[in-house]
C-alpha atoms as a PDB file:
ATOM      1  CA  UNK A   1     119.423 135.646 130.856  1.00  0.00           C
ATOM      2  CA  UNK A   2     119.061 131.849 130.089  1.00  0.00           C
ATOM      3  CA  UNK A   3     119.563 130.462 126.950  1.00  0.00           C
ATOM      4  CA  UNK A   4     120.230 127.235 125.446  1.00  0.00           C
ATOM      5  CA  UNK A   5     123.489 126.968 123.569  1.00  0.00           C
ATOM      6  CA  UNK A   6     125.168 124.338 121.416  1.00  0.00           C
ATOM      7  CA  UNK A   7     128.962 124.223 121.615  1.00  0.00           C
ATOM      8  CA  UNK A   8     129.547 121.399 119.420  1.00  0.00           C
ATOM      9  CA  UNK A   9     127.472 119.602 116.641  1.00  0.00           C
ATOM     10  CA  UNK A  10     125.469 116.336 117.682  1.00  0.00           C
ATOM     11  CA  UNK A  11     122.123 115.150 118.890  1.00  0.00           C
ATOM     12  CA  UNK A  12     120.246 117.717 120.364  1.00  0.00           C
ATOM     13  CA  UNK A  13     119.993 116.289 123.898  1.00  0.00           C
ATOM     14  CA  UNK A  14     123.740 115.765 124.033  1.00  0.00           C
ATOM     15  CA  UNK A  15     124.848 119.158 122.778  1.00  0.00           C
ATOM     16  CA  UNK A  16     122.272 121.581 124.011  1.00  0.00           C
ATOM     17  CA  UNK A  17     123.257 123.435 127.342  1.00  0.00           C
ATOM     18  CA  UNK A  18     121.304 125.862 129.272  1.00  0.00           C
ATOM     19  CA  UNK A  19     123.569 128.550 130.225  1.00  0.00           C
ATOM     20  CA  UNK A  20     123.431 132.059 131.556  1.00  0.00           C
ATOM     21  CA  UNK A  21     124.365 134.521 128.848  1.00  0.00           C
ATOM     22  CA  UNK A  22     124.120 138.409 128.445  1.00  0.00           C
ATOM     23  CA  UNK A  23     121.178 139.644 126.485  1.00  0.00           C
ATOM     24  CA  UNK A  24     121.637 139.779 122.505  1.00  0.00           C
ATOM     25  CA  UNK A  25     122.606 143.212 121.305  1.00  0.00           C
ATOM     26  CA  UNK A  26     120.100 144.128 118.145  1.00  0.00           C
ATOM     27  CA  UNK A  27     122.340 145.119 115.068  1.00  0.00           C
ATOM     28  CA  UNK A  28     121.094 147.711 112.469  1.00  0.00           C
ATOM     29  CA  UNK A  29     117.594 147.017 111.485  1.00  0.00           C
ATOM     30  CA  UNK A  30     117.057 144.458 114.207  1.00  0.00           C
ATOM     31  CA  UNK A  31     114.902 144.763 117.390  1.00  0.00           C
ATOM     32  CA  UNK A  32     115.217 142.862 120.847  1.00  0.00           C
ATOM     33  CA  UNK A  33     112.303 140.746 121.669  1.00  0.00           C
ATOM     34  CA  UNK A  34     111.274 139.127 125.038  1.00  0.00           C
ATOM     35  CA  UNK A  35     110.226 135.437 123.926  1.00  0.00           C
ATOM     36  CA  UNK A  36     106.919 134.569 125.136  1.00  0.00           C
ATOM     37  CA  UNK A  37     106.665 131.092 123.322  1.00  0.00           C
ATOM     38  CA  UNK A  38     109.276 129.407 120.775  1.00  0.00           C
ATOM     39  CA  UNK A  39     107.919 126.761 118.513  1.00  0.00           C
ATOM     40  CA  UNK A  40     110.162 123.702 117.901  1.00  0.00           C
ATOM     41  CA  UNK A  41     110.814 122.671 114.291  1.00  0.00           C
ATOM     42  CA  UNK A  42     112.920 119.897 112.647  1.00  0.00           C
ATOM     43  CA  UNK A  43     115.481 122.485 111.285  1.00  0.00           C
ATOM     44  CA  UNK A  44     116.167 123.028 115.054  1.00  0.00           C
ATOM     45  CA  UNK A  45     117.456 119.544 115.377  1.00  0.00           C
ATOM     46  CA  UNK A  46     119.261 119.725 112.177  1.00  0.00           C
ATOM     47  CA  UNK A  47     121.093 122.883 113.388  1.00  0.00           C
ATOM     48  CA  UNK A  48     122.225 121.055 116.246  1.00  0.00           C
ATOM     49  CA  UNK A  49     123.529 118.255 114.164  1.00  0.00           C
ATOM     50  CA  UNK A  50     125.200 120.614 111.575  1.00  0.00           C
ATOM     51  CA  UNK A  51     123.285 119.179 108.846  1.00  0.00           C
ATOM     52  CA  UNK A  52     120.854 122.392 108.103  1.00  0.00           C
ATOM     53  CA  UNK A  53     121.701 124.587 105.079  1.00  0.00           C
ATOM     54  CA  UNK A  54     122.460 127.386 107.443  1.00  0.00           C
ATOM     55  CA  UNK A  55     125.437 126.711 109.593  1.00  0.00           C
ATOM     56  CA  UNK A  56     125.649 129.591 112.471  1.00  0.00           C
ATOM     57  CA  UNK A  57     129.088 129.926 113.946  1.00  0.00           C
ATOM     58  CA  UNK A  58     129.387 127.994 117.359  1.00  0.00           C
ATOM     59  CA  UNK A  59     128.188 128.521 120.033  1.00  0.00           C
ATOM     60  CA  UNK A  60     124.646 129.379 118.913  1.00  0.00           C
ATOM     61  CA  UNK A  61     121.320 129.043 120.408  1.00  0.00           C
ATOM     62  CA  UNK A  62     118.691 127.162 118.113  1.00  0.00           C
ATOM     63  CA  UNK A  63     115.126 128.172 117.677  1.00  0.00           C
ATOM     64  CA  UNK A  64     113.784 129.414 114.352  1.00  0.00           C
ATOM     65  CA  UNK A  65     110.252 130.759 115.156  1.00  0.00           C
ATOM     66  CA  UNK A  66     108.742 132.654 118.411  1.00  0.00           C
ATOM     67  CA  UNK A  67     105.888 134.652 119.369  1.00  0.00           C
ATOM     68  CA  UNK A  68     107.687 137.460 121.135  1.00  0.00           C
ATOM     69  CA  UNK A  69     107.028 141.073 122.644  1.00  0.00           C
ATOM     70  CA  UNK A  70     108.791 144.350 121.705  1.00  0.00           C
ATOM     71  CA  UNK A  71     109.689 146.981 124.009  1.00  0.00           C
ATOM     72  CA  UNK A  72     106.651 148.924 123.349  1.00  0.00           C
ATOM     73  CA  UNK A  73     104.543 145.795 124.349  1.00  0.00           C
ATOM     74  CA  UNK A  74     103.263 144.518 120.733  1.00  0.00           C
ATOM     75  CA  UNK A  75     102.771 140.654 120.331  1.00  0.00           C
ATOM     76  CA  UNK A  76     104.561 139.616 117.183  1.00  0.00           C
ATOM     77  CA  UNK A  77     105.734 136.509 115.300  1.00  0.00           C
ATOM     78  CA  UNK A  78     109.462 136.523 114.213  1.00  0.00           C
ATOM     79  CA  UNK A  79     112.223 134.315 113.132  1.00  0.00           C
ATOM     80  CA  UNK A  80     115.219 135.197 115.558  1.00  0.00           C
ATOM     81  CA  UNK A  81     118.653 136.263 113.964  1.00  0.00           C
ATOM     82  CA  UNK A  82     120.884 133.412 114.570  1.00  0.00           C
ATOM     83  CA  UNK A  83     123.249 132.686 116.275  1.00  0.00           C
ATOM     84  CA  UNK A  84     120.866 134.158 118.915  1.00  0.00           C
ATOM     85  CA  UNK A  85     117.835 131.691 118.353  1.00  0.00           C
ATOM     86  CA  UNK A  86     114.367 131.338 120.147  1.00  0.00           C
ATOM     87  CA  UNK A  87     115.346 129.002 123.154  1.00  0.00           C
ATOM     88  CA  UNK A  88     116.247 131.985 125.336  1.00  0.00           C
ATOM     89  CA  UNK A  89     114.511 134.675 127.170  1.00  0.00           C
ATOM     90  CA  UNK A  90     115.513 137.211 124.650  1.00  0.00           C
ATOM     91  CA  UNK A  91     116.320 137.199 121.055  1.00  0.00           C
ATOM     92  CA  UNK A  92     116.989 139.803 118.236  1.00  0.00           C
ATOM     93  CA  UNK A  93     115.000 139.864 114.869  1.00  0.00           C
ATOM     94  CA  UNK A  94     114.594 142.059 111.883  1.00  0.00           C
ATOM     95  CA  UNK A  95     112.326 144.881 112.564  1.00  0.00           C
ATOM     96  CA  UNK A  96     110.937 144.689 108.882  1.00  0.00           C
ATOM     97  CA  UNK A  97     110.132 141.175 109.172  1.00  0.00           C
ATOM     98  CA  UNK A  98     107.953 141.202 112.319  1.00  0.00           C
ATOM     99  CA  UNK A  99     104.465 140.200 111.725  1.00  0.00           C
ATOM    100  CA  UNK A 100     101.424 140.868 114.276  1.00  0.00           C
ATOM    101  CA  UNK A 101     100.551 137.840 116.277  1.00  0.00           C
ATOM    102  CA  UNK A 102      96.788 136.930 115.813  1.00  0.00           C
ATOM    103  CA  UNK A 103      94.503 137.847 118.439  1.00  0.00           C
ATOM    104  CA  UNK A 104      92.565 134.719 118.013  1.00  0.00           C
ATOM    105  CA  UNK A 105      95.640 132.722 118.951  1.00  0.00           C
ATOM    106  CA  UNK A 106      97.479 132.337 122.318  1.00  0.00           C
ATOM    107  CA  UNK A 107     101.286 132.721 122.444  1.00  0.00           C
ATOM    108  CA  UNK A 108     102.016 129.100 121.845  1.00  0.00           C
ATOM    109  CA  UNK A 109      99.635 128.911 118.749  1.00  0.00           C
ATOM    110  CA  UNK A 110     100.824 132.114 117.466  1.00  0.00           C
ATOM    111  CA  UNK A 111     104.324 130.848 117.629  1.00  0.00           C
ATOM    112  CA  UNK A 112     103.279 127.839 115.626  1.00  0.00           C
ATOM    113  CA  UNK A 113     101.643 129.614 113.111  1.00  0.00           C
ATOM    114  CA  UNK A 114     104.657 130.827 110.902  1.00  0.00           C
ATOM    115  CA  UNK A 115     106.933 128.436 109.082  1.00  0.00           C
ATOM    116  CA  UNK A 116     104.895 125.339 109.078  1.00  0.00           C
ATOM    117  CA  UNK A 117     101.577 127.066 107.926  1.00  0.00           C
ATOM    118  CA  UNK A 118     103.412 129.347 105.508  1.00  0.00           C
ATOM    119  CA  UNK A 119     104.850 126.139 104.037  1.00  0.00           C
ATOM    120  CA  UNK A 120     101.769 124.746 103.753  1.00  0.00           C
ATOM    121  CA  UNK A 121      99.975 127.636 102.157  1.00  0.00           C
ATOM    122  CA  UNK A 122     102.790 128.373  99.493  1.00  0.00           C
ATOM    123  CA  UNK A 123     103.137 124.465  98.972  1.00  0.00           C
ATOM    124  CA  UNK A 124      99.345 123.950  98.473  1.00  0.00           C
ATOM    125  CA  UNK A 125      98.424 127.160  96.748  1.00  0.00           C
ATOM    126  CA  UNK A 126     101.358 128.728  94.997  1.00  0.00           C
ATOM    127  CA  UNK A 127     103.334 125.601  94.147  1.00  0.00           C
ATOM    128  CA  UNK A 128     100.339 123.099  93.370  1.00  0.00           C
ATOM    129  CA  UNK A 129      97.499 125.220  92.625  1.00  0.00           C
ATOM    130  CA  UNK A 130      95.212 123.022  94.988  1.00  0.00           C
ATOM    131  CA  UNK A 131      91.556 123.220  93.842  1.00  0.00           C
ATOM    132  CA  UNK A 132      88.305 122.568  95.674  1.00  0.00           C
ATOM    133  CA  UNK A 133      87.200 119.003  95.144  1.00  0.00           C
ATOM    134  CA  UNK A 134      90.755 117.555  94.512  1.00  0.00           C
ATOM    135  CA  UNK A 135      92.302 114.972  96.694  1.00  0.00           C
ATOM    136  CA  UNK A 136      95.119 116.065  98.917  1.00  0.00           C
ATOM    137  CA  UNK A 137      97.462 113.184 100.125  1.00  0.00           C
ATOM    138  CA  UNK A 138      99.396 114.528 103.261  1.00  0.00           C
ATOM    139  CA  UNK A 139     102.209 112.545 104.666  1.00  0.00           C
ATOM    140  CA  UNK A 140     103.175 112.599 108.354  1.00  0.00           C
ATOM    141  CA  UNK A 141      99.375 114.234 108.979  1.00  0.00           C
ATOM    142  CA  UNK A 142      99.727 114.174 112.686  1.00  0.00           C
ATOM    143  CA  UNK A 143     102.949 116.055 112.956  1.00  0.00           C
ATOM    144  CA  UNK A 144     103.503 119.808 112.963  1.00  0.00           C
ATOM    145  CA  UNK A 145     104.127 120.433 109.159  1.00  0.00           C
ATOM    146  CA  UNK A 146     101.686 117.698 108.390  1.00  0.00           C
ATOM    147  CA  UNK A 147      98.727 118.902 110.510  1.00  0.00           C
ATOM    148  CA  UNK A 148      99.213 122.608 109.003  1.00  0.00           C
ATOM    149  CA  UNK A 149      98.832 121.015 105.577  1.00  0.00           C
ATOM    150  CA  UNK A 150      95.649 119.013 106.750  1.00  0.00           C
ATOM    151  CA  UNK A 151      93.942 122.001 108.257  1.00  0.00           C
ATOM    152  CA  UNK A 152      94.747 124.275 105.017  1.00  0.00           C
ATOM    153  CA  UNK A 153      93.684 121.492 102.525  1.00  0.00           C
ATOM    154  CA  UNK A 154      90.288 121.193 104.301  1.00  0.00           C
ATOM    155  CA  UNK A 155      89.910 124.973 104.386  1.00  0.00           C
ATOM    156  CA  UNK A 156      90.586 124.910 100.751  1.00  0.00           C
ATOM    157  CA  UNK A 157      87.815 122.335 100.181  1.00  0.00           C
ATOM    158  CA  UNK A 158      90.033 119.397  99.214  1.00  0.00           C
ATOM    159  CA  UNK A 159      89.445 115.809 100.170  1.00  0.00           C
ATOM    160  CA  UNK A 160      92.118 115.056 102.397  1.00  0.00           C
ATOM    161  CA  UNK A 161      93.944 111.540 103.117  1.00  0.00           C
ATOM    162  CA  UNK A 162      96.250 111.518 105.770  1.00  0.00           C
ATOM    163  CA  UNK A 163      99.167 109.086 106.501  1.00  0.00           C
ATOM    164  CA  UNK A 164     100.416 108.597 110.069  1.00  0.00           C
ATOM    165  CA  UNK A 165     102.484 105.956 111.900  1.00  0.00           C
ATOM    166  CA  UNK A 166     100.791 104.110 114.634  1.00  0.00           C
ATOM    167  CA  UNK A 167      97.331 104.186 116.443  1.00  0.00           C
ATOM    168  CA  UNK A 168      97.834 107.453 118.327  1.00  0.00           C
ATOM    169  CA  UNK A 169      98.872 109.406 115.398  1.00  0.00           C
ATOM    170  CA  UNK A 170      95.991 107.826 113.403  1.00  0.00           C
ATOM    171  CA  UNK A 171      93.590 109.062 115.938  1.00  0.00           C
ATOM    172  CA  UNK A 172      95.103 112.782 115.896  1.00  0.00           C
ATOM    173  CA  UNK A 173      94.912 112.912 112.110  1.00  0.00           C
ATOM    174  CA  UNK A 174      91.219 111.700 112.395  1.00  0.00           C
ATOM    175  CA  UNK A 175      90.683 114.296 114.816  1.00  0.00           C
ATOM    176  CA  UNK A 176      92.124 116.960 112.470  1.00  0.00           C
ATOM    177  CA  UNK A 177      89.604 116.108 109.826  1.00  0.00           C
ATOM    178  CA  UNK A 178      90.957 113.853 107.408  1.00  0.00           C
ATOM    179  CA  UNK A 179      88.447 112.078 105.322  1.00  0.00           C
ATOM    180  CA  UNK A 180      90.720 108.975 105.092  1.00  0.00           C
ATOM    181  CA  UNK A 181      93.523 108.235 107.650  1.00  0.00           C
ATOM    182  CA  UNK A 182      95.981 105.296 106.390  1.00  0.00           C
ATOM    183  CA  UNK A 183      98.426 103.772 109.045  1.00  0.00           C
ATOM    184  CA  UNK A 184     101.736 103.419 107.368  1.00  0.00           C
ATOM    185  CA  UNK A 185     102.738 100.850 109.886  1.00  0.00           C
ATOM    186  CA  UNK A 186     100.578  98.301 108.670  1.00  0.00           C
ATOM    187  CA  UNK A 187      98.881  99.395 105.566  1.00  0.00           C
ATOM    188  CA  UNK A 188      99.896  99.595 101.767  1.00  0.00           C
ATOM    189  CA  UNK A 189      99.501 103.693 101.203  1.00  0.00           C
ATOM    190  CA  UNK A 190      99.177 103.263  97.393  1.00  0.00           C
ATOM    191  CA  UNK A 191      96.792 100.557  97.469  1.00  0.00           C
ATOM    192  CA  UNK A 192      94.589 102.364  99.914  1.00  0.00           C
ATOM    193  CA  UNK A 193      94.718 105.796  98.147  1.00  0.00           C
ATOM    194  CA  UNK A 194      93.806 104.015  94.887  1.00  0.00           C
ATOM    195  CA  UNK A 195      91.003 102.102  96.648  1.00  0.00           C
ATOM    196  CA  UNK A 196      89.540 105.207  98.106  1.00  0.00           C
ATOM    197  CA  UNK A 197      89.842 107.373  94.882  1.00  0.00           C
ATOM    198  CA  UNK A 198      88.463 104.929  92.740  1.00  0.00           C
ATOM    199  CA  UNK A 199      91.745 104.264  90.996  1.00  0.00           C
ATOM    200  CA  UNK A 200      92.357 107.762  90.026  1.00  0.00           C
ATOM    201  CA  UNK A 201      94.905 108.384  92.656  1.00  0.00           C
ATOM    202  CA  UNK A 202      95.762 111.989  94.636  1.00  0.00           C
ATOM    203  CA  UNK A 203      95.558 114.965  92.792  1.00  0.00           C
ATOM    204  CA  UNK A 204      98.301 116.676  95.186  1.00  0.00           C
ATOM    205  CA  UNK A 205     100.842 115.120  97.510  1.00  0.00           C
ATOM    206  CA  UNK A 206     102.269 117.125 100.293  1.00  0.00           C
ATOM    207  CA  UNK A 207     105.515 115.397 101.520  1.00  0.00           C
ATOM    208  CA  UNK A 208     107.615 116.417 104.218  1.00  0.00           C
ATOM    209  CA  UNK A 209     109.233 112.969 104.840  1.00  0.00           C
ATOM    210  CA  UNK A 210     111.010 111.715 101.727  1.00  0.00           C
ATOM    211  CA  UNK A 211     112.524 108.175 101.374  1.00  0.00           C
ATOM    212  CA  UNK A 212     109.647 105.651 101.242  1.00  0.00           C
ATOM    213  CA  UNK A 213     106.866 108.260 101.701  1.00  0.00           C
ATOM    214  CA  UNK A 214     107.948 109.605  98.121  1.00  0.00           C
ATOM    215  CA  UNK A 215     108.197 106.076  96.585  1.00  0.00           C
ATOM    216  CA  UNK A 216     104.536 105.401  97.674  1.00  0.00           C
ATOM    217  CA  UNK A 217     103.449 108.921  96.333  1.00  0.00           C
ATOM    218  CA  UNK A 218     104.758 107.926  92.891  1.00  0.00           C
ATOM    219  CA  UNK A 219     102.564 104.918  92.694  1.00  0.00           C
ATOM    220  CA  UNK A 220      99.327 106.617  93.661  1.00  0.00           C
ATOM    221  CA  UNK A 221      99.650 110.133  92.140  1.00  0.00           C
ATOM    222  CA  UNK A 222      96.765 110.938  89.812  1.00  0.00           C
ATOM    223  CA  UNK A 223      97.237 111.882  86.031  1.00  0.00           C
ATOM    224  CA  UNK A 224      98.657 115.474  85.990  1.00  0.00           C
ATOM    225  CA  UNK A 225      99.158 115.369  89.720  1.00  0.00           C
ATOM    226  CA  UNK A 226     101.627 117.262  91.884  1.00  0.00           C
ATOM    227  CA  UNK A 227     103.961 116.091  94.407  1.00  0.00           C
ATOM    228  CA  UNK A 228     105.071 118.719  96.571  1.00  0.00           C
ATOM    229  CA  UNK A 229     108.676 117.988  98.243  1.00  0.00           C
ATOM    230  CA  UNK A 230     108.891 119.915 101.611  1.00  0.00           C
ATOM    231  CA  UNK A 231     111.504 117.951 103.331  1.00  0.00           C
ATOM    232  CA  UNK A 232     113.005 114.863 104.218  1.00  0.00           C
ATOM    233  CA  UNK A 233     112.515 114.261 107.832  1.00  0.00           C
ATOM    234  CA  UNK A 234     112.398 110.353 107.108  1.00  0.00           C
ATOM    235  CA  UNK A 235     116.279 110.839 106.810  1.00  0.00           C
ATOM    236  CA  UNK A 236     116.312 109.234 103.296  1.00  0.00           C
ATOM    237  CA  UNK A 237     116.705 111.464 100.138  1.00  0.00           C
ATOM    238  CA  UNK A 238     115.329 109.367  97.342  1.00  0.00           C
ATOM    239  CA  UNK A 239     116.342 109.940  93.715  1.00  0.00           C
ATOM    240  CA  UNK A 240     113.218 110.442  91.716  1.00  0.00           C
ATOM    241  CA  UNK A 241     112.639 108.331  88.654  1.00  0.00           C
ATOM    242  CA  UNK A 242     112.140 111.062  86.117  1.00  0.00           C
ATOM    243  CA  UNK A 243     111.199 108.622  83.369  1.00  0.00           C
ATOM    244  CA  UNK A 244     108.076 107.621  85.555  1.00  0.00           C
ATOM    245  CA  UNK A 245     107.083 111.275  86.186  1.00  0.00           C
ATOM    246  CA  UNK A 246     107.290 111.522  82.254  1.00  0.00           C
ATOM    247  CA  UNK A 247     105.119 108.151  81.845  1.00  0.00           C
ATOM    248  CA  UNK A 248     102.375 109.278  84.282  1.00  0.00           C
ATOM    249  CA  UNK A 249     102.451 112.889  83.491  1.00  0.00           C
ATOM    250  CA  UNK A 250     102.782 114.266  86.893  1.00  0.00           C
ATOM    251  CA  UNK A 251     104.997 117.130  88.196  1.00  0.00           C
ATOM    252  CA  UNK A 252     107.625 117.043  91.174  1.00  0.00           C
ATOM    253  CA  UNK A 253     107.514 120.825  92.820  1.00  0.00           C
ATOM    254  CA  UNK A 254     110.332 121.738  95.314  1.00  0.00           C
ATOM    255  CA  UNK A 255     109.538 123.977  97.928  1.00  0.00           C
ATOM    256  CA  UNK A 256     111.847 126.053 100.177  1.00  0.00           C
ATOM    257  CA  UNK A 257     109.806 128.526 102.042  1.00  0.00           C
ATOM    258  CA  UNK A 258     112.742 130.545 103.117  1.00  0.00           C
ATOM    259  CA  UNK A 259     113.215 131.784  99.373  1.00  0.00           C
ATOM    260  CA  UNK A 260     110.102 133.568  99.488  1.00  0.00           C
ATOM    261  CA  UNK A 261     110.928 135.320 102.532  1.00  0.00           C
ATOM    262  CA  UNK A 262     114.116 136.321 101.030  1.00  0.00           C
ATOM    263  CA  UNK A 263     112.948 137.078  97.477  1.00  0.00           C
ATOM    264  CA  UNK A 264     109.465 138.227  97.886  1.00  0.00           C
ATOM    265  CA  UNK A 265     108.599 139.362 101.377  1.00  0.00           C
ATOM    266  CA  UNK A 266     105.095 140.877 100.320  1.00  0.00           C
ATOM    267  CA  UNK A 267     103.933 137.670  99.501  1.00  0.00           C
ATOM    268  CA  UNK A 268     104.896 136.278 102.957  1.00  0.00           C
ATOM    269  CA  UNK A 269     103.057 139.059 104.468  1.00  0.00           C
ATOM    270  CA  UNK A 270      99.935 138.572 102.208  1.00  0.00           C
ATOM    271  CA  UNK A 271      99.969 134.827 103.343  1.00  0.00           C
ATOM    272  CA  UNK A 272     100.164 135.791 107.036  1.00  0.00           C
ATOM    273  CA  UNK A 273      96.816 138.069 106.415  1.00  0.00           C
ATOM    274  CA  UNK A 274      95.181 135.065 105.076  1.00  0.00           C
ATOM    275  CA  UNK A 275      96.152 132.820 107.710  1.00  0.00           C
ATOM    276  CA  UNK A 276      95.228 135.398 110.475  1.00  0.00           C
ATOM    277  CA  UNK A 277      91.753 135.179 108.600  1.00  0.00           C
ATOM    278  CA  UNK A 278      91.433 131.680 108.506  1.00  0.00           C
ATOM    279  CA  UNK A 279      92.619 131.458 112.324  1.00  0.00           C
ATOM    280  CA  UNK A 280      90.041 133.943 113.317  1.00  0.00           C
ATOM    281  CA  UNK A 281      87.235 132.117 111.388  1.00  0.00           C
ATOM    282  CA  UNK A 282      88.333 128.845 113.207  1.00  0.00           C
ATOM    283  CA  UNK A 283      89.363 127.171 109.997  1.00  0.00           C
ATOM    284  CA  UNK A 284      92.795 126.565 111.146  1.00  0.00           C
ATOM    285  CA  UNK A 285      94.513 126.245 114.504  1.00  0.00           C
ATOM    286  CA  UNK A 286      97.925 124.957 115.384  1.00  0.00           C
ATOM    287  CA  UNK A 287      97.999 121.605 117.097  1.00  0.00           C
ATOM    288  CA  UNK A 288      99.933 122.357 120.336  1.00  0.00           C
ATOM    289  CA  UNK A 289     100.480 118.806 121.824  1.00  0.00           C
ATOM    290  CA  UNK A 290     102.849 120.038 124.797  1.00  0.00           C
ATOM    291  CA  UNK A 291     103.956 123.464 126.410  1.00  0.00           C
ATOM    292  CA  UNK A 292     107.258 122.827 127.833  1.00  0.00           C
ATOM    293  CA  UNK A 293     109.048 125.041 130.217  1.00  0.00           C
ATOM    294  CA  UNK A 294     112.749 126.490 128.971  1.00  0.00           C
ATOM    295  CA  UNK A 295     114.526 123.878 131.140  1.00  0.00           C
ATOM    296  CA  UNK A 296     113.043 120.989 129.152  1.00  0.00           C
ATOM    297  CA  UNK A 297     113.677 122.375 125.574  1.00  0.00           C
ATOM    298  CA  UNK A 298     116.752 119.947 124.666  1.00  0.00           C
ATOM    299  CA  UNK A 299     114.603 116.868 125.670  1.00  0.00           C
ATOM    300  CA  UNK A 300     111.749 118.251 123.537  1.00  0.00           C
ATOM    301  CA  UNK A 301     114.103 118.768 120.248  1.00  0.00           C
ATOM    302  CA  UNK A 302     115.559 115.308 120.598  1.00  0.00           C
ATOM    303  CA  UNK A 303     111.948 113.798 120.955  1.00  0.00           C
ATOM    304  CA  UNK A 304     110.803 115.713 117.681  1.00  0.00           C
ATOM    305  CA  UNK A 305     114.001 114.671 116.068  1.00  0.00           C
ATOM    306  CA  UNK A 306     113.147 111.021 117.065  1.00  0.00           C
ATOM    307  CA  UNK A 307     109.811 111.117 115.364  1.00  0.00           C
ATOM    308  CA  UNK A 308     108.096 110.359 118.773  1.00  0.00           C
ATOM    309  CA  UNK A 309     105.835 113.364 118.936  1.00  0.00           C
ATOM    310  CA  UNK A 310     102.448 114.634 117.485  1.00  0.00           C
ATOM    311  CA  UNK A 311     101.357 118.058 116.723  1.00  0.00           C
ATOM    312  CA  UNK A 312     103.754 120.989 117.910  1.00  0.00           C
ATOM    313  CA  UNK A 313     105.872 121.278 120.845  1.00  0.00           C
ATOM    314  CA  UNK A 314     106.456 124.846 122.179  1.00  0.00           C
ATOM    315  CA  UNK A 315     108.876 126.252 124.618  1.00  0.00           C
ATOM    316  CA  UNK A 316     107.727 128.707 127.176  1.00  0.00           C
ATOM    317  CA  UNK A 317     110.731 130.488 128.545  1.00  0.00           C
ATOM    318  CA  UNK A 318     110.841 131.237 132.342  1.00  0.00           C
ATOM    319  CA  UNK A 319     108.403 134.118 133.084  1.00  0.00           C
ATOM    320  CA  UNK A 320     106.422 133.904 129.904  1.00  0.00           C
ATOM    321  CA  UNK A 321     104.140 130.727 130.933  1.00  0.00           C
ATOM    322  CA  UNK A 322     101.364 132.957 132.420  1.00  0.00           C
ATOM    323  CA  UNK A 323     101.359 135.396 129.444  1.00  0.00           C
ATOM    324  CA  UNK A 324     101.296 132.452 127.006  1.00  0.00           C
ATOM    325  CA  UNK A 325      98.143 130.787 128.455  1.00  0.00           C
ATOM    326  CA  UNK A 326      95.852 133.416 126.494  1.00  0.00           C
ATOM    327  CA  UNK A 327      96.464 136.225 124.048  1.00  0.00           C
ATOM    328  CA  UNK A 328      95.046 139.532 125.249  1.00  0.00           C
ATOM    329  CA  UNK A 329      91.422 139.778 123.712  1.00  0.00           C
ATOM    330  CA  UNK A 330      91.707 136.115 122.464  1.00  0.00           C
ATOM    331  CA  UNK A 331      88.201 134.518 122.005  1.00  0.00           C
ATOM    332  CA  UNK A 332      88.873 131.234 123.558  1.00  0.00           C
END
């Protein structure tokens, strides 16, 4: 089979190589899946760089979430077992963690439903306890993680302010349904939030960016507001001013979704049930900006790492393109 492999750490475009390799053999408790679609996530770039919290032995194949097909023909969502990641024709994955792919989504959309939407749901509901009528501020609102949070926030009845960089990304965030979109390249985020909320600020801030985004969030979070720290896609890890949190009475909430998958898998399944319901109702739908062939995976991962993309980029391995066009029985 064909698979992208990383033999040394570095930038994705430089270190990912498309190779012919044997199909992976499942270990105890695992199954082998044919990859129908593999969603690209920022951790894939970090894995290539050797900067992710998990460092698989070299060589390895990146790709942390897929829509795949079992040997008996079931469409499932899975997190492949590294070092055999999803940018390949076949993967292995823990059988107990397989989730049914929603009938309402095609393969590319199903592949993108898992990590980003689960992170958004746990961040907004379990960590921040977002309430209907509250104001939610989402950084990187046009990206894969941010767009999921925007949709989930609207589904929860919140007023959503999106932050995006540049006209194209602003337009994407507007199309997602944001009540206000702020262009971070030319507008003062904190000032615009305060103006829009009549001085109150944002009740909940969803931040997958860090750095300057966190600094702006601290300036405009509301009294007893909650800042959910999701990641540091901007590259800078800012040390929070804890005295400032004390003075303004706001909370800083860390979120690592993988811990729920490890410590409370039942909650992950319950979340998937809720996400499946919301998808069937049309309240959420992964924003797929590009479906790329397997040969284009390295370039796509690099573009995501460079911050030049909107929505989700999904890899369709050879032979899976036709199957990924629409799910069986999907209402299109």
